[in-house]
Amino acid sequence: MVKLNKQQAIDNLNQSFLKTDLPIIRIGDNVKVGVKIIEGNKERVQFYEGTVIAKKNSSINTTITVRKVLQGIGVERIFLIHSPKVDSIQVLRSSKVRRAKLYYLRELKGKAGRLKQAFK
C-alpha cells in the first residue's frame, strides 16, 4: 500500500477538476468568455468579451482579468478559468505586448487604448 502525503492527495484531487479543453490564453488576447447564469429555474450562457489584462496563479487557481469598455466606462471582471460557472473561453485575436500586466490600459481612452495585433 502506497502512502500519499497531504499535498499529493490535494494535487490528485485538483487534477480531477482541471479543464482540458481550454485554449492557450496570453496577456493581450481578446477573449470571449461564456459564463453560466441561473435565472429562476432556467440556466443560460452569457458571453463577456474583452482584453486579458492580467493572469494570476497556476493549476486549479488560475484567474484571468478581462477588461472591456462599455459606453465610455471601463469594466473589469475576474474569471476563475477552471470554475464550473465558466462554460467556454474563445480566443478571438492576439496582441503584441511587452508586459505581464496591462494595468496601464486603465488610464488610456479611445484609440490610445488599442493594442497592436499579433499575427501568428
N, C-alpha and C. Protein backbone atom coordinates (compact mmCIF):
# COMPACT_ATOMS: atom_id res chain seq x y z
N MET A 1 0.83 -1.18 0.00
CA MET A 1 0.00 0.00 0.00
C MET A 1 0.89 1.26 0.00
N VAL A 2 0.57 2.18 -0.90
CA VAL A 2 1.36 3.40 -1.04
C VAL A 2 0.73 4.51 -0.21
N LYS A 3 1.54 5.15 0.60
CA LYS A 3 1.05 6.27 1.41
C LYS A 3 1.28 7.57 0.68
N LEU A 4 0.24 8.38 0.58
CA LEU A 4 0.37 9.69 -0.03
C LEU A 4 0.40 10.74 1.08
N ASN A 5 1.26 11.72 0.92
CA ASN A 5 1.21 12.79 1.90
C ASN A 5 0.05 13.73 1.55
N LYS A 6 -0.24 14.68 2.42
CA LYS A 6 -1.40 15.54 2.23
C LYS A 6 -1.34 16.34 0.94
N GLN A 7 -0.17 16.88 0.62
CA GLN A 7 -0.06 17.71 -0.58
C GLN A 7 -0.30 16.89 -1.85
N GLN A 8 0.20 15.66 -1.89
CA GLN A 8 -0.03 14.82 -3.06
C GLN A 8 -1.51 14.47 -3.19
N ALA A 9 -2.18 14.25 -2.09
CA ALA A 9 -3.61 13.95 -2.12
C ALA A 9 -4.39 15.16 -2.65
N ILE A 10 -4.02 16.36 -2.22
CA ILE A 10 -4.68 17.58 -2.69
C ILE A 10 -4.43 17.76 -4.18
N ASP A 11 -3.19 17.54 -4.63
CA ASP A 11 -2.86 17.66 -6.05
C ASP A 11 -3.66 16.68 -6.90
N ASN A 12 -3.80 15.45 -6.43
CA ASN A 12 -4.58 14.45 -7.17
C ASN A 12 -6.04 14.86 -7.28
N LEU A 13 -6.59 15.42 -6.21
CA LEU A 13 -7.97 15.88 -6.22
C LEU A 13 -8.14 17.06 -7.18
N ASN A 14 -7.19 17.99 -7.16
CA ASN A 14 -7.26 19.15 -8.05
C ASN A 14 -7.19 18.74 -9.51
N GLN A 15 -6.38 17.74 -9.83
CA GLN A 15 -6.23 17.27 -11.21
C GLN A 15 -7.56 16.83 -11.80
N SER A 16 -8.43 16.27 -10.98
CA SER A 16 -9.72 15.78 -11.49
C SER A 16 -10.65 16.93 -11.88
N PHE A 17 -10.42 18.13 -11.33
CA PHE A 17 -11.28 19.27 -11.63
C PHE A 17 -10.73 20.19 -12.71
N LEU A 18 -9.50 19.96 -13.16
CA LEU A 18 -8.91 20.80 -14.19
C LEU A 18 -9.60 20.58 -15.54
N LYS A 19 -9.86 21.67 -16.26
CA LYS A 19 -10.44 21.57 -17.60
C LYS A 19 -9.32 21.32 -18.59
N THR A 20 -9.57 20.43 -19.54
CA THR A 20 -8.54 20.09 -20.52
C THR A 20 -8.77 20.74 -21.88
N ASP A 21 -9.96 21.30 -22.09
CA ASP A 21 -10.31 21.84 -23.40
C ASP A 21 -10.08 23.34 -23.53
N LEU A 22 -9.31 23.93 -22.62
CA LEU A 22 -9.08 25.37 -22.65
C LEU A 22 -8.01 25.74 -23.68
N PRO A 23 -8.19 26.87 -24.37
CA PRO A 23 -7.14 27.33 -25.29
C PRO A 23 -5.99 27.96 -24.51
N ILE A 24 -4.89 28.22 -25.19
CA ILE A 24 -3.77 28.90 -24.57
C ILE A 24 -4.12 30.38 -24.50
N ILE A 25 -4.20 30.92 -23.30
CA ILE A 25 -4.59 32.30 -23.09
C ILE A 25 -3.36 33.10 -22.69
N ARG A 26 -3.09 34.18 -23.44
CA ARG A 26 -1.95 35.04 -23.14
C ARG A 26 -2.45 36.44 -22.79
N ILE A 27 -1.59 37.22 -22.18
CA ILE A 27 -1.91 38.60 -21.88
C ILE A 27 -2.04 39.37 -23.19
N GLY A 28 -3.07 40.19 -23.29
CA GLY A 28 -3.30 40.97 -24.51
C GLY A 28 -4.25 40.31 -25.48
N ASP A 29 -4.64 39.08 -25.22
CA ASP A 29 -5.60 38.39 -26.09
C ASP A 29 -6.99 38.99 -25.93
N ASN A 30 -7.73 39.04 -27.02
CA ASN A 30 -9.14 39.40 -26.97
C ASN A 30 -9.89 38.09 -26.82
N VAL A 31 -10.63 37.93 -25.74
CA VAL A 31 -11.30 36.66 -25.48
C VAL A 31 -12.81 36.85 -25.33
N LYS A 32 -13.52 35.76 -25.55
CA LYS A 32 -14.96 35.72 -25.37
C LYS A 32 -15.22 34.60 -24.36
N VAL A 33 -15.66 34.99 -23.16
CA VAL A 33 -15.86 34.04 -22.07
C VAL A 33 -17.35 33.79 -21.91
N GLY A 34 -17.75 32.54 -21.98
CA GLY A 34 -19.15 32.16 -21.77
C GLY A 34 -19.36 31.82 -20.31
N VAL A 35 -20.24 32.56 -19.63
CA VAL A 35 -20.49 32.37 -18.20
C VAL A 35 -21.91 31.86 -18.01
N LYS A 36 -22.04 30.81 -17.21
CA LYS A 36 -23.37 30.27 -16.93
C LYS A 36 -24.09 31.16 -15.94
N ILE A 37 -25.30 31.59 -16.30
CA ILE A 37 -26.13 32.44 -15.46
C ILE A 37 -27.40 31.67 -15.12
N ILE A 38 -27.79 31.66 -13.85
CA ILE A 38 -29.02 30.99 -13.43
C ILE A 38 -30.06 32.06 -13.11
N GLU A 39 -31.16 32.04 -13.85
CA GLU A 39 -32.25 32.98 -13.63
C GLU A 39 -33.50 32.18 -13.29
N GLY A 40 -33.92 32.24 -12.05
CA GLY A 40 -35.07 31.44 -11.63
C GLY A 40 -34.73 29.97 -11.71
N ASN A 41 -35.47 29.25 -12.56
CA ASN A 41 -35.19 27.81 -12.73
C ASN A 41 -34.53 27.52 -14.08
N LYS A 42 -34.16 28.59 -14.81
CA LYS A 42 -33.51 28.42 -16.11
C LYS A 42 -32.03 28.77 -16.03
N GLU A 43 -31.24 28.10 -16.85
CA GLU A 43 -29.81 28.37 -16.93
C GLU A 43 -29.47 28.75 -18.36
N ARG A 44 -28.69 29.83 -18.51
CA ARG A 44 -28.28 30.24 -19.85
C ARG A 44 -26.81 30.66 -19.81
N VAL A 45 -26.24 30.83 -21.00
CA VAL A 45 -24.83 31.23 -21.10
C VAL A 45 -24.78 32.67 -21.59
N GLN A 46 -24.10 33.53 -20.82
CA GLN A 46 -23.92 34.92 -21.20
C GLN A 46 -22.45 35.13 -21.55
N PHE A 47 -22.19 35.79 -22.67
CA PHE A 47 -20.82 35.98 -23.12
C PHE A 47 -20.28 37.33 -22.68
N TYR A 48 -19.01 37.34 -22.28
CA TYR A 48 -18.31 38.54 -21.84
C TYR A 48 -17.06 38.64 -22.71
N GLU A 49 -16.97 39.70 -23.50
CA GLU A 49 -15.87 39.83 -24.45
C GLU A 49 -14.98 41.01 -24.07
N GLY A 50 -13.68 40.78 -24.03
CA GLY A 50 -12.76 41.85 -23.69
C GLY A 50 -11.31 41.41 -23.81
N THR A 51 -10.41 42.26 -23.32
CA THR A 51 -8.98 42.02 -23.39
C THR A 51 -8.46 41.48 -22.07
N VAL A 52 -7.61 40.46 -22.14
CA VAL A 52 -7.00 39.89 -20.94
C VAL A 52 -5.88 40.84 -20.51
N ILE A 53 -6.04 41.45 -19.31
CA ILE A 53 -5.00 42.38 -18.86
C ILE A 53 -4.13 41.78 -17.76
N ALA A 54 -4.56 40.64 -17.18
CA ALA A 54 -3.75 40.01 -16.14
C ALA A 54 -4.08 38.53 -16.06
N LYS A 55 -3.09 37.76 -15.66
CA LYS A 55 -3.26 36.33 -15.45
C LYS A 55 -2.52 36.00 -14.17
N LYS A 56 -3.18 35.30 -13.24
CA LYS A 56 -2.57 35.02 -11.95
C LYS A 56 -2.66 33.55 -11.59
N ASN A 57 -1.75 33.13 -10.73
CA ASN A 57 -1.72 31.80 -10.14
C ASN A 57 -1.52 30.70 -11.17
N SER A 58 -1.69 29.46 -10.74
CA SER A 58 -1.50 28.33 -11.64
C SER A 58 -2.40 27.19 -11.22
N SER A 59 -2.41 26.17 -12.02
CA SER A 59 -3.19 24.97 -11.75
C SER A 59 -4.67 25.29 -11.61
N ILE A 60 -5.31 24.83 -10.57
CA ILE A 60 -6.75 24.98 -10.38
C ILE A 60 -7.13 26.42 -10.04
N ASN A 61 -6.20 27.22 -9.53
CA ASN A 61 -6.49 28.58 -9.09
C ASN A 61 -6.23 29.65 -10.15
N THR A 62 -6.02 29.27 -11.40
CA THR A 62 -5.70 30.24 -12.44
C THR A 62 -6.86 31.20 -12.68
N THR A 63 -6.56 32.50 -12.62
CA THR A 63 -7.58 33.51 -12.90
C THR A 63 -7.09 34.43 -14.01
N ILE A 64 -8.05 34.96 -14.77
CA ILE A 64 -7.73 35.97 -15.77
C ILE A 64 -8.61 37.18 -15.49
N THR A 65 -8.05 38.37 -15.69
CA THR A 65 -8.81 39.61 -15.57
C THR A 65 -9.09 40.10 -16.97
N VAL A 66 -10.38 40.24 -17.29
CA VAL A 66 -10.80 40.66 -18.62
C VAL A 66 -11.39 42.06 -18.52
N ARG A 67 -10.93 42.95 -19.39
CA ARG A 67 -11.39 44.34 -19.38
C ARG A 67 -12.07 44.67 -20.70
N LYS A 68 -13.21 45.37 -20.59
CA LYS A 68 -13.86 45.90 -21.78
C LYS A 68 -14.38 47.29 -21.46
N VAL A 69 -14.62 48.08 -22.49
CA VAL A 69 -15.13 49.43 -22.30
C VAL A 69 -16.56 49.47 -22.81
N LEU A 70 -17.49 49.82 -21.93
CA LEU A 70 -18.91 49.90 -22.25
C LEU A 70 -19.37 51.34 -22.11
N GLN A 71 -19.78 51.95 -23.20
CA GLN A 71 -20.27 53.32 -23.22
C GLN A 71 -19.32 54.29 -22.51
N GLY A 72 -18.02 54.12 -22.77
CA GLY A 72 -17.02 55.01 -22.21
C GLY A 72 -16.58 54.68 -20.80
N ILE A 73 -17.12 53.62 -20.22
CA ILE A 73 -16.76 53.23 -18.86
C ILE A 73 -16.06 51.88 -18.91
N GLY A 74 -14.87 51.80 -18.30
CA GLY A 74 -14.13 50.54 -18.27
C GLY A 74 -14.72 49.59 -17.25
N VAL A 75 -14.91 48.33 -17.67
CA VAL A 75 -15.46 47.29 -16.80
C VAL A 75 -14.48 46.13 -16.79
N GLU A 76 -14.08 45.71 -15.59
CA GLU A 76 -13.17 44.57 -15.47
C GLU A 76 -13.85 43.46 -14.70
N ARG A 77 -13.55 42.24 -15.09
CA ARG A 77 -14.13 41.09 -14.41
C ARG A 77 -13.06 40.01 -14.29
N ILE A 78 -13.01 39.36 -13.15
CA ILE A 78 -12.02 38.32 -12.90
C ILE A 78 -12.71 36.97 -13.00
N PHE A 79 -12.14 36.07 -13.81
CA PHE A 79 -12.71 34.74 -14.01
C PHE A 79 -11.75 33.68 -13.51
N LEU A 80 -12.27 32.74 -12.75
CA LEU A 80 -11.54 31.54 -12.37
C LEU A 80 -11.75 30.56 -13.52
N ILE A 81 -10.72 30.33 -14.34
CA ILE A 81 -10.96 29.66 -15.61
C ILE A 81 -11.34 28.18 -15.49
N HIS A 82 -11.02 27.55 -14.37
CA HIS A 82 -11.39 26.14 -14.19
C HIS A 82 -12.71 25.99 -13.44
N SER A 83 -13.41 27.11 -13.20
CA SER A 83 -14.68 27.09 -12.48
C SER A 83 -15.78 26.44 -13.32
N PRO A 84 -16.71 25.73 -12.69
CA PRO A 84 -17.85 25.18 -13.44
C PRO A 84 -18.77 26.27 -13.99
N LYS A 85 -18.70 27.48 -13.45
CA LYS A 85 -19.52 28.59 -13.96
C LYS A 85 -19.03 29.08 -15.31
N VAL A 86 -17.74 28.88 -15.61
CA VAL A 86 -17.19 29.29 -16.91
C VAL A 86 -17.45 28.16 -17.89
N ASP A 87 -18.32 28.45 -18.88
CA ASP A 87 -18.72 27.43 -19.84
C ASP A 87 -17.69 27.25 -20.94
N SER A 88 -17.23 28.38 -21.50
CA SER A 88 -16.27 28.30 -22.60
C SER A 88 -15.41 29.55 -22.63
N ILE A 89 -14.21 29.40 -23.19
CA ILE A 89 -13.32 30.54 -23.43
C ILE A 89 -12.83 30.42 -24.86
N GLN A 90 -12.99 31.51 -25.61
CA GLN A 90 -12.60 31.51 -27.01
C GLN A 90 -11.65 32.68 -27.24
N VAL A 91 -10.48 32.43 -27.82
CA VAL A 91 -9.53 33.50 -28.13
C VAL A 91 -9.88 34.04 -29.51
N LEU A 92 -10.25 35.32 -29.57
CA LEU A 92 -10.66 35.93 -30.83
C LEU A 92 -9.47 36.49 -31.60
N ARG A 93 -8.57 37.18 -30.90
CA ARG A 93 -7.36 37.70 -31.54
C ARG A 93 -6.28 37.91 -30.49
N SER A 94 -5.04 37.92 -30.94
CA SER A 94 -3.90 38.13 -30.03
C SER A 94 -3.26 39.47 -30.33
N SER A 95 -2.61 40.03 -29.33
CA SER A 95 -1.94 41.31 -29.49
C SER A 95 -0.49 41.20 -29.06
N LYS A 96 0.33 42.10 -29.63
CA LYS A 96 1.74 42.17 -29.25
C LYS A 96 1.86 43.00 -27.99
N VAL A 97 2.35 42.41 -26.92
CA VAL A 97 2.54 43.15 -25.67
C VAL A 97 3.91 42.82 -25.11
N ARG A 98 4.43 43.73 -24.29
CA ARG A 98 5.75 43.53 -23.69
C ARG A 98 5.67 43.58 -22.18
N ARG A 99 4.49 43.40 -21.64
CA ARG A 99 4.29 43.46 -20.20
C ARG A 99 3.52 42.23 -19.75
N ALA A 100 3.67 41.88 -18.48
CA ALA A 100 2.93 40.76 -17.90
C ALA A 100 1.56 41.20 -17.41
N LYS A 101 1.44 42.48 -17.04
CA LYS A 101 0.17 43.03 -16.59
C LYS A 101 -0.10 44.31 -17.38
N LEU A 102 -1.29 44.46 -17.92
CA LEU A 102 -1.61 45.62 -18.75
C LEU A 102 -2.48 46.62 -18.00
N TYR A 103 -2.14 46.88 -16.74
CA TYR A 103 -2.93 47.79 -15.93
C TYR A 103 -2.89 49.22 -16.46
N TYR A 104 -1.88 49.55 -17.27
CA TYR A 104 -1.78 50.89 -17.81
C TYR A 104 -2.94 51.21 -18.76
N LEU A 105 -3.64 50.20 -19.26
CA LEU A 105 -4.79 50.44 -20.14
C LEU A 105 -5.93 51.13 -19.42
N ARG A 106 -5.94 51.05 -18.10
CA ARG A 106 -7.00 51.70 -17.31
C ARG A 106 -6.95 53.21 -17.48
N GLU A 107 -5.77 53.76 -17.69
CA GLU A 107 -5.60 55.22 -17.77
C GLU A 107 -5.85 55.74 -19.18
N LEU A 108 -5.82 54.87 -20.19
CA LEU A 108 -5.93 55.31 -21.58
C LEU A 108 -7.38 55.32 -22.05
N LYS A 109 -7.67 56.22 -22.99
CA LYS A 109 -9.04 56.33 -23.51
C LYS A 109 -9.02 56.29 -25.03
N GLY A 110 -10.08 55.80 -25.60
CA GLY A 110 -10.26 55.82 -27.06
C GLY A 110 -9.21 55.02 -27.81
N LYS A 111 -8.69 55.63 -28.87
CA LYS A 111 -7.74 54.92 -29.73
C LYS A 111 -6.42 54.64 -29.05
N ALA A 112 -6.09 55.41 -28.04
CA ALA A 112 -4.82 55.21 -27.32
C ALA A 112 -4.81 53.86 -26.60
N GLY A 113 -5.98 53.34 -26.27
CA GLY A 113 -6.08 52.08 -25.54
C GLY A 113 -6.06 50.84 -26.40
N ARG A 114 -5.81 51.03 -27.69
CA ARG A 114 -5.78 49.86 -28.59
C ARG A 114 -4.43 49.18 -28.52
N LEU A 115 -4.42 47.88 -28.79
CA LEU A 115 -3.18 47.11 -28.82
C LEU A 115 -2.92 46.66 -30.25
N LYS A 116 -1.65 46.57 -30.62
CA LYS A 116 -1.28 46.14 -31.97
C LYS A 116 -1.48 44.64 -32.11
N GLN A 117 -2.15 44.23 -33.18
CA GLN A 117 -2.47 42.82 -33.37
C GLN A 117 -1.22 42.02 -33.71
N ALA A 118 -1.12 40.81 -33.14
CA ALA A 118 -0.02 39.90 -33.43
C ALA A 118 -0.53 38.81 -34.36
N PHE A 119 0.13 38.65 -35.49
CA PHE A 119 -0.26 37.61 -36.44
C PHE A 119 0.60 36.40 -36.21
N LYS A 120 -0.05 35.25 -36.11
CA LYS A 120 0.70 34.02 -35.80
C LYS A 120 1.24 33.38 -37.04
